Protein backbone atom coordinates (compact mmCIF):
# COMPACT_ATOMS: atom_id res chain seq x y z
CA MET A 1 0.29 18.98 -33.80
CA GLU A 2 -1.72 18.56 -30.86
CA TYR A 3 -2.56 14.52 -30.16
CA LYS A 4 -5.33 13.60 -28.58
CA VAL A 5 -5.95 9.66 -26.75
CA SER A 6 -8.90 7.66 -28.49
CA VAL A 7 -10.05 4.83 -25.99
CA ARG A 8 -11.46 1.85 -27.94
CA ILE A 9 -14.22 0.25 -26.18
CA ASN A 10 -15.54 -3.51 -26.56
CA GLU A 11 -18.77 -3.18 -27.84
CA HIS A 12 -20.24 -5.52 -25.98
CA LEU A 13 -20.78 -3.54 -22.55
CA TYR A 14 -23.25 -0.26 -24.40
CA LEU A 15 -26.10 -0.73 -27.11
CA ARG A 16 -24.95 2.79 -28.99
CA ASP A 17 -21.91 4.14 -28.56
CA PRO A 18 -21.82 7.21 -26.04
CA GLU A 19 -19.00 8.86 -27.22
CA GLN A 20 -20.87 9.33 -30.32
CA SER A 21 -23.78 12.01 -29.31
CA SER A 22 -23.82 14.23 -27.21
CA LEU A 23 -26.09 12.42 -24.52
CA GLY A 24 -23.81 9.73 -24.61
CA ARG A 25 -21.24 11.45 -23.63
CA ARG A 26 -23.33 13.92 -20.63
CA ILE A 27 -23.88 10.19 -19.33
CA VAL A 28 -20.03 8.53 -19.29
CA GLN A 29 -19.32 12.21 -17.48
CA GLU A 30 -21.96 12.09 -15.11
CA GLY A 31 -22.34 8.71 -14.68
CA VAL A 32 -18.34 8.22 -13.34
CA LEU A 33 -19.20 11.08 -10.93
CA LEU A 34 -22.81 9.88 -9.60
CA PHE A 35 -20.75 6.94 -8.97
CA ASN A 36 -18.61 8.26 -7.08
CA GLU A 37 -21.28 10.41 -5.06
CA LEU A 38 -24.09 7.32 -4.40
CA GLY A 39 -22.08 4.41 -4.77
CA PHE A 40 -22.48 1.30 -7.16
CA GLU A 41 -25.64 0.63 -4.60
CA ASP A 42 -27.37 3.44 -4.14
CA PHE A 43 -27.01 4.49 -8.00
CA THR A 44 -29.87 4.33 -11.00
CA PHE A 45 -30.29 5.22 -14.03
CA LYS A 46 -33.12 7.14 -12.68
CA LYS A 47 -31.16 9.37 -10.69
CA LEU A 48 -28.87 9.41 -12.99
CA ALA A 49 -31.85 10.85 -15.69
CA THR A 50 -32.70 12.72 -13.33
CA ARG A 51 -29.70 14.31 -13.01
CA LEU A 52 -29.41 15.24 -16.99
CA HIS A 53 -32.60 16.29 -17.30
CA THR A 54 -33.84 13.98 -19.37
CA ASN A 55 -35.54 10.62 -19.56
CA GLU A 56 -34.84 7.26 -17.95
CA SER A 57 -35.34 5.30 -20.71
CA SER A 58 -32.65 7.50 -23.16
CA VAL A 59 -30.00 5.94 -20.92
CA TYR A 60 -31.24 2.46 -21.51
CA ARG A 61 -31.16 3.35 -25.29
CA TYR A 62 -26.87 3.74 -24.17
CA PHE A 63 -27.05 1.33 -21.30
CA GLU A 64 -28.15 -1.85 -20.58
CA ASN A 65 -27.91 -1.71 -16.77
CA LYS A 66 -25.50 0.44 -14.33
CA HIS A 67 -23.40 -2.46 -14.43
CA ARG A 68 -22.67 -2.60 -17.95
CA LEU A 69 -21.97 1.25 -17.30
CA LEU A 70 -19.64 0.45 -14.12
CA VAL A 71 -17.74 -2.51 -16.48
CA TYR A 72 -17.27 0.39 -19.70
CA LEU A 73 -15.75 3.28 -17.40
CA VAL A 74 -13.56 0.80 -15.20
CA THR A 75 -12.73 -0.38 -18.85
CA TRP A 76 -11.74 3.15 -19.38
CA TYR A 77 -9.92 3.87 -16.98
CA TRP A 78 -7.63 0.60 -17.53
CA ARG A 79 -6.69 1.18 -21.18
CA TRP A 80 -5.68 4.66 -20.22
CA MET A 81 -3.53 3.59 -17.56
CA ASP A 82 -1.99 1.47 -19.96
CA PHE A 83 -1.45 3.85 -22.71
CA GLN A 84 0.03 6.16 -19.97
CA LEU A 85 2.36 2.67 -18.48
CA ASN A 86 3.19 2.42 -22.62
CA PHE A 87 3.96 6.53 -23.08
CA PHE A 88 6.51 6.12 -19.90
CA THR A 89 8.84 3.13 -20.10
CA HIS A 90 8.86 2.39 -24.16
CA SER A 91 12.22 4.02 -24.26
CA LEU A 92 13.27 2.94 -21.04
CA LYS A 93 15.70 0.29 -20.72
CA ASN A 94 15.87 -0.09 -16.92
CA PRO A 95 13.44 -2.43 -16.09
CA VAL A 96 13.59 -1.07 -12.27
CA GLU A 97 12.74 2.37 -13.02
CA LYS A 98 9.77 0.97 -15.35
CA LEU A 99 8.57 -1.06 -11.93
CA ASP A 100 9.60 2.41 -10.19
CA ILE A 101 7.01 3.92 -12.68
CA THR A 102 3.91 1.51 -13.33
CA ILE A 103 3.26 2.37 -8.61
CA GLN A 104 3.33 5.70 -9.61
CA LEU A 105 0.61 5.12 -12.89
CA LEU A 106 -1.36 3.30 -9.80
CA LEU A 107 -1.27 6.10 -7.28
CA LEU A 108 -2.02 8.72 -10.27
CA ARG A 109 1.19 10.29 -8.72
CA LYS A 110 2.57 10.16 -12.59
CA GLU A 111 0.27 11.40 -15.67
CA ALA A 112 1.28 11.76 -20.01
CA PRO A 113 0.82 15.14 -20.69
CA ILE A 114 -1.41 14.09 -23.80
CA PRO A 115 -5.38 14.73 -23.68
CA GLN A 116 -8.32 11.97 -22.64
CA GLN A 117 -11.49 12.81 -23.99
CA GLU A 118 -12.34 16.22 -22.07
CA PHE A 119 -15.33 14.77 -20.96
CA ILE A 120 -14.26 12.52 -18.62
CA ASP A 121 -12.32 13.73 -15.37
CA PHE A 122 -9.52 11.19 -14.60
CA GLY A 123 -9.31 12.29 -11.18
CA ALA A 124 -12.71 11.72 -10.37
CA LEU A 125 -12.66 7.76 -12.34
CA HIS A 126 -9.60 7.56 -10.09
CA GLN A 127 -11.72 7.59 -7.34
CA LEU A 128 -14.28 5.26 -9.01
CA VAL A 129 -11.63 2.69 -9.92
CA VAL A 130 -10.55 2.92 -6.18
CA LYS A 131 -13.87 2.33 -4.41
CA GLU A 132 -16.14 0.75 -7.10
CA SER A 133 -13.90 -1.20 -9.66
CA SER A 134 -13.61 -4.87 -7.96
CA LYS A 135 -17.81 -4.64 -8.77
CA ALA A 136 -17.13 -5.16 -12.13
CA TYR A 137 -16.01 -8.84 -12.02
CA LEU A 138 -16.94 -9.89 -9.18
CA THR A 139 -20.48 -10.93 -9.58
CA ARG A 140 -22.68 -14.43 -10.74
CA HIS A 141 -21.94 -14.26 -14.31
CA VAL A 142 -18.54 -12.83 -14.53
CA THR A 143 -18.01 -16.42 -16.45
CA GLU A 144 -20.01 -15.77 -19.17
CA ASP A 145 -18.45 -11.50 -18.87
CA ASN A 146 -15.38 -13.57 -19.33
CA LYS A 147 -16.03 -14.71 -22.57
CA GLN A 148 -17.25 -12.11 -24.35
CA GLN A 149 -14.37 -10.58 -23.35
CA LEU A 150 -15.11 -7.62 -21.13
CA PHE A 151 -12.37 -7.86 -18.76
CA LYS A 152 -9.76 -7.56 -21.90
CA PRO A 153 -8.08 -4.40 -20.86
CA TYR A 154 -8.03 -5.40 -17.57
CA LYS A 155 -5.27 -8.02 -18.62
CA ASP A 156 -3.87 -6.32 -20.58
CA LEU A 157 -2.09 -4.22 -17.82
CA CYS A 158 -1.97 -6.91 -15.56
CA ALA A 159 0.43 -8.70 -18.13
CA HIS A 160 2.06 -5.32 -18.83
CA ILE A 161 2.58 -5.13 -16.14
CA ALA A 162 3.89 -9.02 -15.35
CA ALA A 163 6.12 -8.31 -18.85
CA ILE A 164 7.94 -5.30 -16.64
CA ILE A 165 8.21 -8.18 -12.67
CA SER A 166 9.99 -10.45 -15.69
CA GLU A 167 12.34 -7.99 -16.77
CA CYS A 168 13.36 -7.65 -13.26
CA ASN A 169 14.01 -10.80 -12.33
CA SER A 170 13.60 -13.43 -14.91
CA SER A 171 13.44 -15.92 -12.69
CA TYR A 172 10.92 -14.71 -10.50
CA PRO A 173 7.69 -17.86 -10.95
CA TYR A 174 4.73 -15.25 -9.63
CA SER A 175 4.24 -11.83 -12.04
CA ARG A 176 1.06 -12.30 -13.60
CA SER A 177 0.30 -12.77 -9.39
CA LEU A 178 2.55 -9.87 -8.31
CA ALA A 179 1.50 -7.50 -10.92
CA SER A 180 -2.45 -8.10 -10.17
CA THR A 181 -1.81 -7.82 -6.56
CA LEU A 182 -0.21 -5.04 -7.45
CA ILE A 183 -2.82 -3.18 -8.91
CA GLU A 184 -5.67 -3.90 -6.28
CA MET A 185 -3.01 -3.57 -3.59
CA ALA A 186 -2.33 0.21 -4.39
CA HIS A 187 -5.97 0.94 -4.35
CA TYR A 188 -7.17 -0.71 -0.96
CA GLN A 189 -4.39 0.79 0.40
CA TYR A 190 -5.21 4.15 -1.05
CA PHE A 191 -9.17 3.26 0.42
CA PHE A 192 -7.89 2.27 3.90
CA MET A 193 -6.30 5.48 4.43
CA HIS A 194 -8.67 7.57 3.39
CA HIS A 195 -11.98 5.55 5.00
CA LEU A 196 -10.36 2.65 7.11
CA PRO A 197 -7.25 4.17 8.83
CA SER A 198 -6.50 1.24 11.07
CA LEU A 199 -5.89 -1.26 8.18
CA THR A 200 -3.52 0.63 7.05
CA ASP A 201 -0.22 2.55 8.49
CA PHE A 202 -0.81 5.71 6.74
CA GLY A 203 -4.23 6.39 8.23
CA GLN A 204 -2.73 9.39 10.42
CA THR A 205 -0.55 11.11 8.00
CA LYS A 206 -2.70 10.57 4.90
CA SER A 207 0.90 10.60 3.06
CA GLU A 208 0.67 9.07 -0.53
CA GLU A 209 4.64 9.28 -0.44
CA GLU A 210 4.19 6.35 2.53
CA LEU A 211 1.68 4.32 0.13
CA THR A 212 4.48 4.57 -2.45
CA GLY A 213 7.45 3.27 -0.51
CA PHE A 214 5.16 0.07 0.88
CA LEU A 215 4.02 -1.14 -2.51
CA LYS A 216 7.43 -0.81 -3.60
CA ASP A 217 9.27 -2.57 -0.82
CA LEU A 218 6.37 -5.18 -1.32
CA VAL A 219 7.12 -5.59 -5.07
CA TYR A 220 11.09 -4.85 -4.85
CA SER A 221 11.00 -8.20 -2.23
CA ALA A 222 9.12 -9.82 -3.52
CA VAL A 223 10.80 -9.34 -7.06
CA ARG A 224 14.34 -9.89 -4.60
CA LEU A 225 15.67 -6.69 -6.00
CA ASN A 226 18.72 -5.61 -4.10
CA ASN A 227 19.60 -2.75 -2.70
CA ALA A 228 21.59 -1.10 -5.57
CA GLU A 229 19.41 -1.87 -7.91
CA THR A 230 16.97 0.12 -6.13
CA ASP A 231 19.45 2.79 -5.27
CA LYS A 232 20.12 4.03 -9.52
CA VAL A 233 16.47 4.63 -10.37
CA GLU A 234 15.91 6.79 -6.61
CA SER A 235 19.28 9.14 -7.71
């Protein structure tokens, strides 16, 4: 029996559910690709409509503006990441192993063998999140958006990672701060590695394995895990 994951999205993010029509699914699919090509600043619904061979007004029937579309895409990513974290860690007993898997997932070095919506290129979505996700909440209307729970999927993922950190060391007082820092650090260092190499130690090698090692060192040191504990996972 084949399973497929359905990701539920906050209804405040769209005017019409894009997953319920062919055009809506194409808006999401091509939106990911066009955001990657142009960046948030140069992205417009007019350009997206031209790419889709439709009218600009047709895109506006689904999303109020491009920021809502961006948050929709980023939200989808966080939901899928949280599902994957559950998939890989639910049966594990060793919290350090869970933490190790978390870091691998954030760099897309591990992916659950269960298909998501076929119209979303998850690799392209990962690139979009790395480059543009902070623009989802770094806005003047962030408080209003937060009241509508637009960022709940991101908070849920952070809470999930924070719980794993607390499993590793229940006396560590900053698990939520470290969880959100880990996510952002993984994305920023990945971006720097490819675009601003002097801001990272991996600019020359472009090695995701080295970046993974850095993130492990950062988190393990903060949580004060000893070598014996981490060696069990690596062996």
